[in-house]
Amino acid sequence: MRDIGDPDRVPFLVYRALHPAIAKSRRGIAIVTASFLRKRWPGHESRGLYRNDKLAAVVVDGVGADDALRFLGISEQPPPVLDRAGRSATELAARLARVIKA
């Protein structure tokens, strides 16, 4: 495994690596789980999508919508939030397709 140096720098390095991809993307979806909320850096990508008006939807799995939006720093004009609970992958995909087309 390669040493990446100071672990506190990891969020910066991840964001720097993701920034060009975010800039090129048309839309994105954030999937927020309990594991996602325990880590420091995963929200950088989703926040980048939101800041650039490219976050199409937030899918929550095992966490509350309010907790997910708070973690992502979204307080005004949130994108649609879809709860995965009790839905098959096919159902969730169909709902996402409807949201993205809207």
N, C-alpha and C. Protein backbone atom coordinates (compact mmCIF):
# COMPACT_ATOMS: atom_id res chain seq x y z
N MET A 1 0.85 -1.18 0.00
CA MET A 1 0.00 0.00 0.00
C MET A 1 0.89 1.24 0.00
N ARG A 2 0.54 2.19 -0.80
CA ARG A 2 1.33 3.41 -0.93
C ARG A 2 1.02 4.37 0.21
N ASP A 3 2.04 5.01 0.76
CA ASP A 3 1.86 5.99 1.83
C ASP A 3 1.42 7.31 1.20
N ILE A 4 0.28 7.83 1.65
CA ILE A 4 -0.19 9.10 1.10
C ILE A 4 0.13 10.27 2.01
N GLY A 5 0.87 9.99 3.10
CA GLY A 5 1.28 11.08 3.97
C GLY A 5 0.24 11.39 5.03
N ASP A 6 0.12 12.62 5.38
CA ASP A 6 -0.75 13.09 6.45
C ASP A 6 -2.20 12.75 6.16
N PRO A 7 -2.85 11.94 7.05
CA PRO A 7 -4.25 11.57 6.80
C PRO A 7 -5.19 12.77 6.82
N ASP A 8 -4.82 13.86 7.47
CA ASP A 8 -5.67 15.04 7.46
C ASP A 8 -5.68 15.73 6.10
N ARG A 9 -4.71 15.40 5.28
CA ARG A 9 -4.65 15.97 3.93
C ARG A 9 -5.48 15.19 2.93
N VAL A 10 -5.89 13.98 3.31
CA VAL A 10 -6.64 13.12 2.39
C VAL A 10 -7.86 13.82 1.81
N PRO A 11 -8.70 14.51 2.62
CA PRO A 11 -9.86 15.18 2.01
C PRO A 11 -9.47 16.15 0.90
N PHE A 12 -8.39 16.88 1.10
CA PHE A 12 -7.95 17.82 0.08
C PHE A 12 -7.51 17.08 -1.18
N LEU A 13 -6.74 16.01 -0.99
CA LEU A 13 -6.25 15.24 -2.14
C LEU A 13 -7.42 14.60 -2.90
N VAL A 14 -8.39 14.08 -2.17
CA VAL A 14 -9.55 13.47 -2.82
C VAL A 14 -10.32 14.53 -3.60
N TYR A 15 -10.59 15.66 -2.96
CA TYR A 15 -11.34 16.72 -3.64
C TYR A 15 -10.60 17.20 -4.87
N ARG A 16 -9.28 17.38 -4.74
CA ARG A 16 -8.49 17.84 -5.88
C ARG A 16 -8.58 16.85 -7.04
N ALA A 17 -8.59 15.57 -6.72
CA ALA A 17 -8.70 14.55 -7.76
C ALA A 17 -10.10 14.51 -8.36
N LEU A 18 -11.12 14.78 -7.54
CA LEU A 18 -12.50 14.71 -8.02
C LEU A 18 -12.95 15.96 -8.76
N HIS A 19 -12.35 17.09 -8.46
CA HIS A 19 -12.81 18.36 -9.02
C HIS A 19 -12.93 18.34 -10.55
N PRO A 20 -11.92 17.87 -11.29
CA PRO A 20 -12.07 17.84 -12.75
C PRO A 20 -13.22 16.95 -13.21
N ALA A 21 -13.44 15.83 -12.51
CA ALA A 21 -14.53 14.94 -12.88
C ALA A 21 -15.88 15.60 -12.61
N ILE A 22 -15.99 16.31 -11.50
CA ILE A 22 -17.23 17.02 -11.19
C ILE A 22 -17.50 18.08 -12.25
N ALA A 23 -16.46 18.79 -12.63
CA ALA A 23 -16.61 19.85 -13.63
C ALA A 23 -17.11 19.28 -14.97
N LYS A 24 -16.67 18.08 -15.32
CA LYS A 24 -17.06 17.47 -16.60
C LYS A 24 -18.43 16.78 -16.55
N SER A 25 -18.87 16.43 -15.35
CA SER A 25 -20.12 15.67 -15.24
C SER A 25 -21.33 16.54 -15.54
N ARG A 26 -22.39 15.88 -16.00
CA ARG A 26 -23.65 16.60 -16.22
C ARG A 26 -24.50 16.56 -14.96
N ARG A 27 -24.60 15.41 -14.32
CA ARG A 27 -25.42 15.24 -13.11
C ARG A 27 -24.77 14.17 -12.24
N GLY A 28 -25.16 14.14 -10.98
CA GLY A 28 -24.66 13.13 -10.06
C GLY A 28 -25.71 12.80 -9.01
N ILE A 29 -25.52 11.68 -8.36
CA ILE A 29 -26.41 11.21 -7.31
C ILE A 29 -25.56 10.90 -6.09
N ALA A 30 -25.98 11.35 -4.93
CA ALA A 30 -25.30 11.01 -3.68
C ALA A 30 -26.06 9.87 -3.02
N ILE A 31 -25.35 8.82 -2.66
CA ILE A 31 -25.94 7.72 -1.91
C ILE A 31 -25.36 7.79 -0.51
N VAL A 32 -26.21 8.11 0.46
CA VAL A 32 -25.75 8.36 1.82
C VAL A 32 -26.17 7.21 2.72
N THR A 33 -25.17 6.57 3.31
CA THR A 33 -25.39 5.46 4.24
C THR A 33 -24.78 5.82 5.58
N ALA A 34 -25.01 4.99 6.58
CA ALA A 34 -24.41 5.22 7.90
C ALA A 34 -22.88 5.22 7.80
N SER A 35 -22.33 4.34 7.00
CA SER A 35 -20.88 4.28 6.81
C SER A 35 -20.37 5.58 6.17
N PHE A 36 -21.10 6.08 5.21
CA PHE A 36 -20.77 7.34 4.53
C PHE A 36 -20.68 8.47 5.55
N LEU A 37 -21.62 8.51 6.50
CA LEU A 37 -21.65 9.58 7.49
C LEU A 37 -20.51 9.48 8.50
N ARG A 38 -19.95 8.28 8.69
CA ARG A 38 -18.86 8.11 9.66
C ARG A 38 -17.52 8.57 9.12
N LYS A 39 -17.41 8.73 7.83
CA LYS A 39 -16.13 9.11 7.22
C LYS A 39 -16.09 10.62 6.99
N ARG A 40 -14.88 11.15 6.95
CA ARG A 40 -14.75 12.60 6.79
C ARG A 40 -14.79 13.05 5.34
N TRP A 41 -14.23 12.30 4.43
CA TRP A 41 -14.04 12.81 3.08
C TRP A 41 -15.14 12.51 2.06
N PRO A 42 -16.00 11.49 2.19
CA PRO A 42 -16.92 11.19 1.10
C PRO A 42 -17.88 12.31 0.73
N GLY A 43 -18.21 13.17 1.65
CA GLY A 43 -19.14 14.25 1.35
C GLY A 43 -18.59 15.30 0.42
N HIS A 44 -17.26 15.35 0.25
CA HIS A 44 -16.67 16.38 -0.61
C HIS A 44 -17.20 16.31 -2.04
N GLU A 45 -17.31 15.10 -2.56
CA GLU A 45 -17.79 14.94 -3.94
C GLU A 45 -19.24 15.42 -4.05
N SER A 46 -20.09 14.98 -3.11
CA SER A 46 -21.50 15.37 -3.16
C SER A 46 -21.68 16.86 -2.97
N ARG A 47 -20.91 17.44 -2.06
CA ARG A 47 -20.99 18.90 -1.87
C ARG A 47 -20.53 19.64 -3.12
N GLY A 48 -19.52 19.10 -3.79
CA GLY A 48 -19.06 19.70 -5.03
C GLY A 48 -20.14 19.66 -6.10
N LEU A 49 -20.84 18.55 -6.20
CA LEU A 49 -21.95 18.45 -7.15
C LEU A 49 -23.05 19.45 -6.80
N TYR A 50 -23.36 19.55 -5.51
CA TYR A 50 -24.42 20.47 -5.07
C TYR A 50 -24.03 21.92 -5.36
N ARG A 51 -22.81 22.29 -5.02
CA ARG A 51 -22.35 23.67 -5.25
C ARG A 51 -22.37 24.04 -6.72
N ASN A 52 -22.17 23.06 -7.58
CA ASN A 52 -22.17 23.31 -9.02
C ASN A 52 -23.51 23.00 -9.68
N ASP A 53 -24.55 22.87 -8.85
CA ASP A 53 -25.92 22.64 -9.33
C ASP A 53 -26.02 21.38 -10.20
N LYS A 54 -25.30 20.33 -9.80
CA LYS A 54 -25.32 19.08 -10.56
C LYS A 54 -25.82 17.90 -9.75
N LEU A 55 -26.21 18.11 -8.50
CA LEU A 55 -26.68 17.01 -7.67
C LEU A 55 -28.15 16.76 -7.98
N ALA A 56 -28.42 15.66 -8.70
CA ALA A 56 -29.77 15.37 -9.16
C ALA A 56 -30.65 14.81 -8.05
N ALA A 57 -30.08 14.04 -7.15
CA ALA A 57 -30.86 13.42 -6.08
C ALA A 57 -29.94 12.89 -5.00
N VAL A 58 -30.52 12.70 -3.83
CA VAL A 58 -29.82 12.07 -2.71
C VAL A 58 -30.61 10.81 -2.36
N VAL A 59 -29.93 9.69 -2.33
CA VAL A 59 -30.56 8.43 -1.93
C VAL A 59 -30.07 8.12 -0.53
N VAL A 60 -30.99 7.93 0.41
CA VAL A 60 -30.60 7.59 1.77
C VAL A 60 -30.88 6.11 2.02
N ASP A 61 -29.96 5.48 2.72
CA ASP A 61 -30.08 4.06 3.02
C ASP A 61 -29.70 3.86 4.48
N GLY A 62 -30.71 3.77 5.34
CA GLY A 62 -30.46 3.53 6.76
C GLY A 62 -30.15 4.79 7.55
N VAL A 63 -30.31 5.95 6.95
CA VAL A 63 -30.13 7.23 7.64
C VAL A 63 -31.31 8.13 7.30
N GLY A 64 -31.55 9.12 8.13
CA GLY A 64 -32.63 10.04 7.87
C GLY A 64 -32.27 11.08 6.82
N ALA A 65 -33.26 11.55 6.12
CA ALA A 65 -33.05 12.56 5.08
C ALA A 65 -32.44 13.83 5.68
N ASP A 66 -32.94 14.26 6.84
CA ASP A 66 -32.41 15.47 7.47
C ASP A 66 -30.94 15.32 7.82
N ASP A 67 -30.56 14.15 8.35
CA ASP A 67 -29.15 13.91 8.70
C ASP A 67 -28.27 13.94 7.44
N ALA A 68 -28.76 13.33 6.38
CA ALA A 68 -27.99 13.30 5.13
C ALA A 68 -27.79 14.71 4.58
N LEU A 69 -28.86 15.50 4.53
CA LEU A 69 -28.76 16.86 4.00
C LEU A 69 -27.87 17.74 4.88
N ARG A 70 -27.96 17.55 6.19
CA ARG A 70 -27.12 18.33 7.11
C ARG A 70 -25.65 17.98 6.88
N PHE A 71 -25.34 16.68 6.74
CA PHE A 71 -23.97 16.24 6.50
C PHE A 71 -23.43 16.83 5.20
N LEU A 72 -24.30 16.91 4.20
CA LEU A 72 -23.88 17.44 2.90
C LEU A 72 -23.86 18.97 2.88
N GLY A 73 -24.31 19.58 3.95
CA GLY A 73 -24.31 21.05 4.02
C GLY A 73 -25.39 21.67 3.15
N ILE A 74 -26.48 20.95 2.94
CA ILE A 74 -27.56 21.43 2.08
C ILE A 74 -28.70 21.90 2.96
N SER A 75 -28.96 23.19 2.92
CA SER A 75 -30.07 23.71 3.71
C SER A 75 -31.10 24.42 2.84
N GLU A 76 -30.68 24.93 1.71
CA GLU A 76 -31.60 25.64 0.83
C GLU A 76 -31.75 24.89 -0.48
N GLN A 77 -32.94 24.82 -0.97
CA GLN A 77 -33.28 24.18 -2.24
C GLN A 77 -32.62 22.81 -2.39
N PRO A 78 -32.96 21.88 -1.49
CA PRO A 78 -32.36 20.55 -1.59
C PRO A 78 -32.87 19.80 -2.81
N PRO A 79 -32.04 18.91 -3.34
CA PRO A 79 -32.51 18.06 -4.43
C PRO A 79 -33.48 17.03 -3.85
N PRO A 80 -34.18 16.30 -4.70
CA PRO A 80 -35.07 15.26 -4.19
C PRO A 80 -34.29 14.23 -3.36
N VAL A 81 -34.91 13.79 -2.28
CA VAL A 81 -34.31 12.76 -1.43
C VAL A 81 -35.17 11.51 -1.53
N LEU A 82 -34.55 10.41 -1.91
CA LEU A 82 -35.26 9.14 -2.06
C LEU A 82 -34.77 8.17 -0.99
N ASP A 83 -35.69 7.53 -0.30
CA ASP A 83 -35.34 6.56 0.73
C ASP A 83 -35.35 5.17 0.13
N ARG A 84 -34.27 4.44 0.28
CA ARG A 84 -34.15 3.11 -0.29
C ARG A 84 -34.95 2.06 0.50
N ALA A 85 -35.32 2.36 1.71
CA ALA A 85 -35.98 1.39 2.59
C ALA A 85 -37.19 0.74 1.92
N GLY A 86 -37.20 -0.58 1.90
CA GLY A 86 -38.33 -1.32 1.38
C GLY A 86 -38.48 -1.30 -0.12
N ARG A 87 -37.50 -0.82 -0.83
CA ARG A 87 -37.59 -0.75 -2.30
C ARG A 87 -36.57 -1.68 -2.94
N SER A 88 -36.96 -2.30 -4.01
CA SER A 88 -36.01 -3.11 -4.77
C SER A 88 -35.11 -2.18 -5.58
N ALA A 89 -34.02 -2.73 -6.07
CA ALA A 89 -33.12 -1.94 -6.90
C ALA A 89 -33.85 -1.44 -8.16
N THR A 90 -34.73 -2.26 -8.70
CA THR A 90 -35.48 -1.88 -9.90
C THR A 90 -36.41 -0.71 -9.60
N GLU A 91 -37.12 -0.78 -8.46
CA GLU A 91 -38.00 0.32 -8.07
C GLU A 91 -37.23 1.62 -7.87
N LEU A 92 -36.12 1.51 -7.16
CA LEU A 92 -35.31 2.70 -6.89
C LEU A 92 -34.77 3.29 -8.19
N ALA A 93 -34.32 2.44 -9.10
CA ALA A 93 -33.81 2.92 -10.39
C ALA A 93 -34.91 3.64 -11.18
N ALA A 94 -36.12 3.11 -11.15
CA ALA A 94 -37.24 3.75 -11.86
C ALA A 94 -37.54 5.12 -11.25
N ARG A 95 -37.54 5.21 -9.93
CA ARG A 95 -37.79 6.50 -9.27
C ARG A 95 -36.68 7.50 -9.60
N LEU A 96 -35.43 7.03 -9.58
CA LEU A 96 -34.32 7.92 -9.93
C LEU A 96 -34.45 8.43 -11.36
N ALA A 97 -34.82 7.53 -12.27
CA ALA A 97 -34.98 7.93 -13.68
C ALA A 97 -36.04 9.01 -13.81
N ARG A 98 -37.15 8.87 -13.07
CA ARG A 98 -38.21 9.90 -13.13
C ARG A 98 -37.71 11.23 -12.58
N VAL A 99 -36.95 11.18 -11.49
CA VAL A 99 -36.44 12.41 -10.87
C VAL A 99 -35.46 13.11 -11.80
N ILE A 100 -34.57 12.34 -12.40
CA ILE A 100 -33.54 12.93 -13.27
C ILE A 100 -34.15 13.53 -14.53
N LYS A 101 -35.19 12.90 -15.07
CA LYS A 101 -35.85 13.41 -16.27
C LYS A 101 -36.66 14.68 -16.00
N ALA A 102 -37.08 14.86 -14.75
CA ALA A 102 -37.94 16.01 -14.41
C ALA A 102 -37.20 17.32 -14.55
